[in-house]
Amino acid sequence: MHRSSQTLAAVVFAVSLAATFPAAGAAWPDTSPASAIQIVLQTQSIKIRAVDNPQNWSLDTKERSWSVKRPVGPGVLDTTHTFIVSYKIDGATVATWQVDSRLGTAVAAP
């Protein structure tokens, strides 16, 4: 399978998977990093499209990647449901969100 076809297949899979999860504000099934990405895909599609030129989707070979981390490690603050999700195109961060998986929300982060 050609790399662009693999990328497109992965994006379609991720979007279809995200569509099967509860709407924003609904209870999410777990506190995994994957749920944080699903929340972003479901609630931030307009922003994602705005930072990624759709004219290039069918032909470009730029790598797109997602990263997820908790803002701080275990300790005094409970960050069980808090994540920082970043979207990168060709290694450059183009969007970042703070995600609360308990609430199913994603807010743009600086």
Protein backbone atom coordinates (compact mmCIF):
# COMPACT_ATOMS: atom_id res chain seq x y z
CA MET A 1 0.00 0.00 0.00
CA HIS A 2 1.34 3.46 -0.91
CA ARG A 3 2.29 5.65 2.05
CA SER A 4 -0.32 8.34 1.27
CA SER A 5 -2.97 5.60 1.08
CA GLN A 6 -1.82 4.32 4.47
CA THR A 7 -1.99 7.81 5.93
CA LEU A 8 -5.45 8.39 4.50
CA ALA A 9 -6.61 5.01 5.79
CA ALA A 10 -5.28 5.85 9.26
CA VAL A 11 -7.04 9.23 9.29
CA VAL A 12 -10.32 7.69 8.10
CA PHE A 13 -10.03 4.99 10.78
CA ALA A 14 -9.30 7.55 13.51
CA VAL A 15 -12.20 9.78 12.49
CA SER A 16 -14.62 6.86 12.24
CA LEU A 17 -13.45 5.58 15.62
CA ALA A 18 -13.92 9.03 17.14
CA ALA A 19 -17.46 9.17 15.78
CA THR A 20 -18.39 6.09 17.82
CA PHE A 21 -17.61 7.79 21.13
CA PRO A 22 -19.92 10.02 23.16
CA ALA A 23 -20.53 13.65 22.24
CA ALA A 24 -18.66 16.47 23.92
CA GLY A 25 -19.71 16.78 27.53
CA ALA A 26 -20.73 13.11 27.79
CA ALA A 27 -18.94 10.63 30.04
CA TRP A 28 -15.91 9.04 28.40
CA PRO A 29 -15.14 5.36 28.93
CA ASP A 30 -11.59 5.68 30.22
CA THR A 31 -8.69 7.96 31.06
CA SER A 32 -6.30 6.71 28.40
CA PRO A 33 -4.25 8.95 26.12
CA ALA A 34 -6.18 7.47 23.19
CA SER A 35 -9.42 8.90 24.59
CA ALA A 36 -7.79 12.35 24.65
CA ILE A 37 -7.04 12.13 20.91
CA GLN A 38 -10.58 10.91 20.25
CA ILE A 39 -12.01 13.91 22.08
CA VAL A 40 -9.87 16.28 20.00
CA LEU A 41 -10.85 14.57 16.73
CA GLN A 42 -14.51 14.77 17.61
CA THR A 43 -14.64 18.29 19.00
CA GLN A 44 -11.93 20.15 17.07
CA SER A 45 -12.39 19.07 13.45
CA ILE A 46 -12.76 22.67 12.22
CA LYS A 47 -9.46 23.70 13.82
CA ILE A 48 -7.72 20.58 12.47
CA ARG A 49 -8.91 21.38 8.95
CA ALA A 50 -7.84 25.01 9.38
CA VAL A 51 -4.21 24.10 10.16
CA ASP A 52 -3.93 21.35 7.54
CA ASN A 53 -4.31 22.45 3.92
CA PRO A 54 -6.96 20.17 2.36
CA GLN A 55 -5.58 20.83 -1.13
CA ASN A 56 -2.52 18.81 -0.11
CA TRP A 57 -4.27 15.82 1.44
CA SER A 58 -4.41 13.72 -1.70
CA LEU A 59 -0.85 14.33 -2.87
CA ASP A 60 1.48 15.50 -0.13
CA THR A 61 3.86 13.24 1.74
CA LYS A 62 4.13 15.28 4.93
CA GLU A 63 4.12 13.28 8.12
CA ARG A 64 1.27 13.97 10.49
CA SER A 65 1.57 12.89 14.11
CA TRP A 66 -0.26 13.22 17.40
CA SER A 67 1.30 13.35 20.85
CA VAL A 68 -0.36 13.08 24.22
CA LYS A 69 1.02 13.75 27.69
CA ARG A 70 -0.21 14.67 31.10
CA PRO A 71 0.78 18.19 32.18
CA VAL A 72 2.39 16.94 35.42
CA GLY A 73 3.21 13.60 36.97
CA PRO A 74 1.50 11.99 39.96
CA GLY A 75 1.55 13.93 43.17
CA VAL A 76 -0.60 16.57 44.78
CA LEU A 77 -2.67 17.41 41.68
CA ASP A 78 -5.05 14.82 40.23
CA THR A 79 -4.30 14.79 36.49
CA THR A 80 -6.06 11.49 35.80
CA HIS A 81 -8.38 13.15 33.29
CA THR A 82 -6.13 15.98 32.07
CA PHE A 83 -4.00 15.74 28.92
CA ILE A 84 -2.08 17.97 26.55
CA VAL A 85 -2.64 16.84 22.94
CA SER A 86 -0.49 18.18 20.10
CA TYR A 87 -0.86 17.78 16.34
CA LYS A 88 2.28 18.03 14.20
CA ILE A 89 2.76 18.30 10.45
CA ASP A 90 6.27 17.53 9.22
CA GLY A 91 7.61 17.84 12.77
CA ALA A 92 6.15 21.31 13.40
CA THR A 93 3.46 21.63 16.06
CA VAL A 94 0.45 23.26 14.40
CA ALA A 95 -2.14 22.90 17.19
CA THR A 96 -2.25 22.03 20.88
CA TRP A 97 -5.22 21.41 23.18
CA GLN A 98 -5.79 20.85 26.88
CA VAL A 99 -8.20 17.94 27.18
CA ASP A 100 -10.40 16.99 30.12
CA SER A 101 -11.52 13.42 29.49
CA ARG A 102 -13.96 13.55 32.39
CA LEU A 103 -15.92 16.33 30.67
CA GLY A 104 -15.11 15.36 27.08
CA THR A 105 -13.73 18.83 26.34
CA ALA A 106 -10.72 20.13 24.42
CA VAL A 107 -9.59 23.77 24.71
CA ALA A 108 -6.92 25.35 22.51
CA ALA A 109 -3.67 25.75 24.44
CA PRO A 110 -1.01 28.38 23.73
